[in-house]
N, C-alpha and C. Protein backbone atom coordinates (compact mmCIF):
# COMPACT_ATOMS: atom_id res chain seq x y z
N MET A 1 -23.80 -15.41 -0.43
CA MET A 1 -23.10 -14.14 -0.34
C MET A 1 -22.39 -14.07 1.00
N THR A 2 -21.20 -13.52 1.02
CA THR A 2 -20.44 -13.46 2.26
C THR A 2 -20.93 -12.32 3.13
N GLU A 3 -20.79 -12.53 4.42
CA GLU A 3 -21.19 -11.51 5.38
C GLU A 3 -20.12 -10.42 5.44
N PRO A 4 -20.51 -9.17 5.65
CA PRO A 4 -19.50 -8.11 5.78
C PRO A 4 -18.67 -8.32 7.04
N VAL A 5 -17.40 -7.98 6.93
CA VAL A 5 -16.49 -8.11 8.06
C VAL A 5 -16.80 -7.02 9.08
N ALA A 6 -16.82 -7.39 10.36
CA ALA A 6 -17.05 -6.39 11.40
C ALA A 6 -15.91 -5.39 11.37
N GLY A 7 -16.23 -4.13 11.52
CA GLY A 7 -15.20 -3.10 11.47
C GLY A 7 -14.75 -2.80 10.05
N SER A 8 -15.68 -2.93 9.10
CA SER A 8 -15.32 -2.63 7.72
C SER A 8 -16.36 -1.69 7.12
N TRP A 9 -15.94 -1.01 6.08
CA TRP A 9 -16.80 -0.10 5.35
C TRP A 9 -16.56 -0.33 3.87
N LEU A 10 -17.58 -0.73 3.15
CA LEU A 10 -17.48 -1.07 1.73
C LEU A 10 -16.43 -2.15 1.48
N GLY A 11 -16.30 -3.07 2.46
CA GLY A 11 -15.33 -4.15 2.33
C GLY A 11 -13.91 -3.78 2.69
N ILE A 12 -13.70 -2.56 3.15
CA ILE A 12 -12.37 -2.10 3.54
C ILE A 12 -12.30 -2.10 5.06
N LYS A 13 -11.28 -2.75 5.60
CA LYS A 13 -11.13 -2.77 7.05
C LYS A 13 -10.84 -1.37 7.55
N LEU A 14 -11.61 -0.94 8.54
CA LEU A 14 -11.46 0.42 9.06
C LEU A 14 -10.08 0.66 9.66
N LEU A 15 -9.50 -0.36 10.27
CA LEU A 15 -8.16 -0.21 10.84
C LEU A 15 -7.14 0.08 9.74
N THR A 16 -7.26 -0.59 8.61
CA THR A 16 -6.36 -0.33 7.48
C THR A 16 -6.61 1.06 6.91
N LEU A 17 -7.86 1.46 6.84
CA LEU A 17 -8.23 2.78 6.34
C LEU A 17 -7.63 3.88 7.22
N VAL A 18 -7.77 3.75 8.52
CA VAL A 18 -7.23 4.74 9.46
C VAL A 18 -5.71 4.75 9.42
N ALA A 19 -5.09 3.57 9.37
CA ALA A 19 -3.63 3.50 9.32
C ALA A 19 -3.09 4.13 8.04
N GLY A 20 -3.75 3.87 6.91
CA GLY A 20 -3.33 4.47 5.64
C GLY A 20 -3.48 5.98 5.65
N PHE A 21 -4.58 6.45 6.23
CA PHE A 21 -4.79 7.89 6.35
C PHE A 21 -3.71 8.51 7.23
N ALA A 22 -3.41 7.86 8.34
CA ALA A 22 -2.36 8.38 9.24
C ALA A 22 -1.01 8.42 8.54
N GLY A 23 -0.70 7.38 7.78
CA GLY A 23 0.56 7.36 7.02
C GLY A 23 0.61 8.49 6.00
N GLY A 24 -0.51 8.73 5.34
CA GLY A 24 -0.57 9.83 4.36
C GLY A 24 -0.40 11.18 5.02
N VAL A 25 -0.96 11.35 6.21
CA VAL A 25 -0.83 12.62 6.93
C VAL A 25 0.62 12.82 7.40
N VAL A 26 1.25 11.74 7.87
CA VAL A 26 2.65 11.84 8.29
C VAL A 26 3.54 12.22 7.10
N THR A 27 3.18 11.74 5.92
CA THR A 27 3.94 12.09 4.72
C THR A 27 3.98 13.61 4.51
N LEU A 28 2.91 14.29 4.88
CA LEU A 28 2.86 15.74 4.69
C LEU A 28 3.95 16.46 5.48
N SER A 29 4.41 15.86 6.57
CA SER A 29 5.49 16.50 7.34
C SER A 29 6.82 16.42 6.61
N PHE A 30 6.96 15.48 5.67
CA PHE A 30 8.20 15.34 4.91
C PHE A 30 8.14 16.08 3.57
N LEU A 31 6.96 16.23 3.02
CA LEU A 31 6.81 16.90 1.73
C LEU A 31 6.56 18.39 1.97
N LYS A 32 7.51 19.19 1.63
CA LYS A 32 7.41 20.63 1.87
C LYS A 32 6.89 21.34 0.62
N ASP A 33 6.40 22.53 0.81
CA ASP A 33 5.96 23.42 -0.28
C ASP A 33 4.84 22.82 -1.13
N LEU A 34 3.91 22.15 -0.49
CA LEU A 34 2.75 21.63 -1.22
C LEU A 34 1.58 22.58 -1.07
N THR A 35 0.81 22.71 -2.13
CA THR A 35 -0.44 23.46 -2.02
C THR A 35 -1.44 22.59 -1.27
N LYS A 36 -2.58 23.18 -0.90
CA LYS A 36 -3.59 22.39 -0.20
C LYS A 36 -4.08 21.23 -1.07
N LEU A 37 -4.26 21.50 -2.35
CA LEU A 37 -4.73 20.46 -3.26
C LEU A 37 -3.69 19.33 -3.38
N GLN A 38 -2.42 19.68 -3.47
CA GLN A 38 -1.37 18.68 -3.54
C GLN A 38 -1.28 17.89 -2.24
N GLY A 39 -1.50 18.55 -1.11
CA GLY A 39 -1.51 17.86 0.17
C GLY A 39 -2.64 16.85 0.26
N ILE A 40 -3.81 17.25 -0.20
CA ILE A 40 -4.96 16.34 -0.21
C ILE A 40 -4.67 15.17 -1.15
N ALA A 41 -4.08 15.45 -2.31
CA ALA A 41 -3.73 14.39 -3.26
C ALA A 41 -2.71 13.43 -2.66
N ALA A 42 -1.76 13.95 -1.89
CA ALA A 42 -0.75 13.10 -1.24
C ALA A 42 -1.40 12.16 -0.25
N VAL A 43 -2.31 12.69 0.55
CA VAL A 43 -2.99 11.85 1.54
C VAL A 43 -3.87 10.81 0.83
N LEU A 44 -4.58 11.21 -0.21
CA LEU A 44 -5.44 10.27 -0.93
C LEU A 44 -4.64 9.20 -1.66
N ALA A 45 -3.47 9.57 -2.20
CA ALA A 45 -2.61 8.58 -2.85
C ALA A 45 -2.13 7.56 -1.83
N GLY A 46 -1.72 8.04 -0.67
CA GLY A 46 -1.30 7.13 0.38
C GLY A 46 -2.43 6.24 0.86
N LEU A 47 -3.60 6.83 1.00
CA LEU A 47 -4.78 6.08 1.44
C LEU A 47 -5.15 5.01 0.42
N GLY A 48 -5.13 5.39 -0.85
CA GLY A 48 -5.44 4.42 -1.90
C GLY A 48 -4.44 3.27 -1.94
N CYS A 49 -3.17 3.60 -1.82
CA CYS A 49 -2.15 2.53 -1.80
C CYS A 49 -2.36 1.62 -0.60
N ALA A 50 -2.67 2.20 0.54
CA ALA A 50 -2.87 1.40 1.75
C ALA A 50 -4.06 0.46 1.59
N VAL A 51 -5.16 0.98 1.11
CA VAL A 51 -6.38 0.19 1.01
C VAL A 51 -6.23 -0.96 0.01
N PHE A 52 -5.57 -0.70 -1.11
CA PHE A 52 -5.48 -1.71 -2.15
C PHE A 52 -4.26 -2.61 -2.03
N LEU A 53 -3.18 -2.13 -1.43
CA LEU A 53 -1.96 -2.93 -1.37
C LEU A 53 -1.75 -3.67 -0.05
N ALA A 54 -2.20 -3.11 1.06
CA ALA A 54 -1.95 -3.73 2.37
C ALA A 54 -2.51 -5.15 2.50
N PRO A 55 -3.68 -5.46 1.94
CA PRO A 55 -4.19 -6.83 2.09
C PRO A 55 -3.37 -7.89 1.33
N ILE A 56 -2.51 -7.47 0.40
CA ILE A 56 -1.78 -8.45 -0.41
C ILE A 56 -0.68 -9.16 0.39
N PRO A 57 0.27 -8.44 1.01
CA PRO A 57 1.34 -9.16 1.73
C PRO A 57 0.96 -9.60 3.15
N SER A 58 -0.13 -9.09 3.67
CA SER A 58 -0.47 -9.34 5.08
C SER A 58 -0.62 -10.83 5.43
N PRO A 59 -1.36 -11.64 4.67
CA PRO A 59 -1.49 -13.05 5.05
C PRO A 59 -0.15 -13.80 5.00
N TYR A 60 0.69 -13.42 4.04
CA TYR A 60 1.98 -14.10 3.91
C TYR A 60 2.90 -13.74 5.08
N THR A 61 2.88 -12.48 5.48
CA THR A 61 3.67 -12.06 6.62
C THR A 61 3.16 -12.72 7.89
N ALA A 62 1.86 -12.78 8.06
CA ALA A 62 1.28 -13.44 9.24
C ALA A 62 1.68 -14.91 9.25
N GLY A 63 1.69 -15.54 8.10
CA GLY A 63 2.11 -16.95 8.01
C GLY A 63 3.57 -17.14 8.33
N LEU A 64 4.41 -16.21 7.85
CA LEU A 64 5.85 -16.30 8.14
C LEU A 64 6.12 -16.20 9.64
N LEU A 65 5.33 -15.39 10.31
CA LEU A 65 5.50 -15.25 11.76
C LEU A 65 5.03 -16.48 12.52
N HIS A 66 4.31 -17.36 11.83
CA HIS A 66 3.77 -18.55 12.49
C HIS A 66 4.15 -19.81 11.71
N GLY A 67 5.42 -19.95 11.41
CA GLY A 67 5.91 -21.19 10.81
C GLY A 67 5.64 -21.38 9.34
N GLY A 68 5.32 -20.33 8.61
CA GLY A 68 5.14 -20.44 7.17
C GLY A 68 3.74 -20.80 6.71
N ASP A 69 2.80 -20.96 7.62
CA ASP A 69 1.43 -21.31 7.25
C ASP A 69 0.53 -20.11 7.45
N PRO A 70 0.03 -19.48 6.35
CA PRO A 70 -0.82 -18.29 6.49
C PRO A 70 -2.04 -18.51 7.37
N ALA A 71 -2.55 -19.73 7.44
CA ALA A 71 -3.74 -19.99 8.25
C ALA A 71 -3.45 -19.87 9.75
N LEU A 72 -2.20 -20.06 10.15
CA LEU A 72 -1.86 -19.99 11.57
C LEU A 72 -1.76 -18.56 12.09
N GLY A 73 -1.54 -17.60 11.21
CA GLY A 73 -1.36 -16.22 11.64
C GLY A 73 -2.61 -15.38 11.59
N VAL A 74 -3.78 -16.00 11.58
CA VAL A 74 -5.05 -15.29 11.41
C VAL A 74 -5.26 -14.25 12.52
N GLU A 75 -4.89 -14.57 13.75
CA GLU A 75 -5.13 -13.62 14.84
C GLU A 75 -4.27 -12.36 14.72
N TRP A 76 -3.19 -12.43 13.97
CA TRP A 76 -2.33 -11.27 13.77
C TRP A 76 -2.64 -10.51 12.49
N LEU A 77 -3.50 -11.07 11.67
CA LEU A 77 -3.73 -10.52 10.33
C LEU A 77 -4.16 -9.06 10.33
N ASP A 78 -5.11 -8.68 11.17
CA ASP A 78 -5.59 -7.30 11.20
C ASP A 78 -4.49 -6.33 11.61
N LYS A 79 -3.69 -6.73 12.60
CA LYS A 79 -2.61 -5.86 13.06
C LYS A 79 -1.53 -5.70 11.99
N ILE A 80 -1.20 -6.79 11.33
CA ILE A 80 -0.19 -6.74 10.27
C ILE A 80 -0.71 -5.93 9.09
N GLU A 81 -1.97 -6.11 8.74
CA GLU A 81 -2.55 -5.34 7.64
C GLU A 81 -2.57 -3.85 7.97
N ALA A 82 -2.84 -3.49 9.22
CA ALA A 82 -2.79 -2.09 9.63
C ALA A 82 -1.37 -1.54 9.53
N ALA A 83 -0.39 -2.36 9.91
CA ALA A 83 1.01 -1.92 9.80
C ALA A 83 1.39 -1.68 8.35
N TYR A 84 1.00 -2.60 7.47
CA TYR A 84 1.24 -2.39 6.04
C TYR A 84 0.46 -1.18 5.54
N GLY A 85 -0.75 -0.99 6.05
CA GLY A 85 -1.55 0.17 5.65
C GLY A 85 -0.84 1.46 5.98
N PHE A 86 -0.26 1.54 7.17
CA PHE A 86 0.50 2.74 7.54
C PHE A 86 1.72 2.90 6.64
N LEU A 87 2.44 1.82 6.40
CA LEU A 87 3.64 1.86 5.57
C LEU A 87 3.31 2.29 4.14
N PHE A 88 2.27 1.70 3.56
CA PHE A 88 1.88 2.09 2.20
C PHE A 88 1.28 3.49 2.17
N GLY A 89 0.60 3.88 3.23
CA GLY A 89 0.09 5.25 3.32
C GLY A 89 1.22 6.25 3.38
N LEU A 90 2.28 5.89 4.11
CA LEU A 90 3.44 6.76 4.25
C LEU A 90 4.21 6.90 2.94
N THR A 91 4.32 5.81 2.20
CA THR A 91 5.13 5.82 0.97
C THR A 91 4.29 5.95 -0.30
N GLY A 92 2.98 6.05 -0.17
CA GLY A 92 2.10 6.07 -1.33
C GLY A 92 2.38 7.19 -2.31
N MET A 93 2.68 8.37 -1.81
CA MET A 93 2.94 9.51 -2.70
C MET A 93 4.22 9.30 -3.50
N THR A 94 5.12 8.47 -2.98
CA THR A 94 6.35 8.14 -3.71
C THR A 94 6.11 6.97 -4.65
N LEU A 95 5.29 6.01 -4.22
CA LEU A 95 5.03 4.82 -5.04
C LEU A 95 4.29 5.15 -6.33
N VAL A 96 3.28 5.99 -6.24
CA VAL A 96 2.43 6.28 -7.40
C VAL A 96 3.24 6.90 -8.55
N PRO A 97 4.03 7.98 -8.33
CA PRO A 97 4.82 8.51 -9.44
C PRO A 97 5.85 7.51 -9.97
N GLY A 98 6.40 6.66 -9.08
CA GLY A 98 7.36 5.65 -9.53
C GLY A 98 6.71 4.63 -10.44
N ILE A 99 5.52 4.19 -10.10
CA ILE A 99 4.81 3.22 -10.92
C ILE A 99 4.45 3.84 -12.27
N ILE A 100 4.03 5.09 -12.27
CA ILE A 100 3.70 5.78 -13.52
C ILE A 100 4.95 5.93 -14.39
N LYS A 101 6.08 6.23 -13.77
CA LYS A 101 7.34 6.37 -14.52
C LYS A 101 7.75 5.03 -15.14
N ILE A 102 7.62 3.96 -14.39
CA ILE A 102 7.95 2.62 -14.91
C ILE A 102 7.02 2.26 -16.07
N ALA A 103 5.73 2.57 -15.93
CA ALA A 103 4.78 2.28 -17.00
C ALA A 103 5.12 3.08 -18.26
N GLY A 104 5.54 4.34 -18.09
CA GLY A 104 5.93 5.16 -19.23
C GLY A 104 7.16 4.60 -19.93
N LYS A 105 8.13 4.13 -19.14
CA LYS A 105 9.34 3.54 -19.70
C LYS A 105 9.00 2.26 -20.46
N PHE A 106 8.08 1.47 -19.92
CA PHE A 106 7.65 0.25 -20.59
C PHE A 106 6.95 0.57 -21.90
N GLN A 107 6.16 1.65 -21.92
CA GLN A 107 5.45 2.05 -23.14
C GLN A 107 6.44 2.48 -24.22
N GLU A 108 7.50 3.18 -23.81
CA GLU A 108 8.51 3.64 -24.77
C GLU A 108 9.34 2.48 -25.31
N ASP A 109 9.75 1.57 -24.42
CA ASP A 109 10.66 0.49 -24.81
C ASP A 109 10.37 -0.76 -23.97
N PRO A 110 9.44 -1.61 -24.41
CA PRO A 110 9.09 -2.79 -23.62
C PRO A 110 10.26 -3.75 -23.40
N LEU A 111 11.19 -3.79 -24.33
CA LEU A 111 12.31 -4.71 -24.20
C LEU A 111 13.37 -4.21 -23.22
N PHE A 112 13.25 -2.97 -22.75
CA PHE A 112 14.19 -2.41 -21.78
C PHE A 112 14.29 -3.29 -20.54
N PHE A 113 13.16 -3.78 -20.07
CA PHE A 113 13.14 -4.58 -18.84
C PHE A 113 13.84 -5.92 -19.04
N ILE A 114 13.69 -6.49 -20.23
CA ILE A 114 14.38 -7.75 -20.52
C ILE A 114 15.88 -7.51 -20.55
N ARG A 115 16.30 -6.44 -21.22
CA ARG A 115 17.74 -6.12 -21.27
C ARG A 115 18.27 -5.79 -19.88
N MET A 116 17.46 -5.12 -19.08
CA MET A 116 17.88 -4.73 -17.75
C MET A 116 18.13 -5.98 -16.88
N PHE A 117 17.24 -6.96 -16.96
CA PHE A 117 17.39 -8.16 -16.14
C PHE A 117 18.47 -9.08 -16.68
N LYS A 118 18.72 -9.06 -17.99
CA LYS A 118 19.77 -9.87 -18.57
C LYS A 118 21.14 -9.24 -18.34
N GLY A 119 21.17 -7.95 -18.07
CA GLY A 119 22.43 -7.28 -17.81
C GLY A 119 23.12 -6.74 -19.05
N LYS A 120 22.38 -6.57 -20.12
CA LYS A 120 22.98 -6.06 -21.36
C LYS A 120 22.40 -4.73 -21.72
């Protein structure tokens, strides 16, 4: 069994968690006329996006910064993941409805995406 990462909670890096929360809170300054419940949902959506999405591009970005090899960018990985966490936290409230809209369009007409990419 693997050892838990220092600075993590339930396998989530605390730096990514804090960055995603901060991004979600900053989003509230752009989203006007939200109820308290909607504000909490906005922050949680951003936090969820940050926690689940930030670890995906982070190793590749770290590798790109170090000659294309993800193993070489290990010392930057936490900082890059926190940056992505903030970015996904900031845009999470926009990403979630967009993903739901795309899924709905796919459910209505799965071939739409094929036609869209073919240009017809």
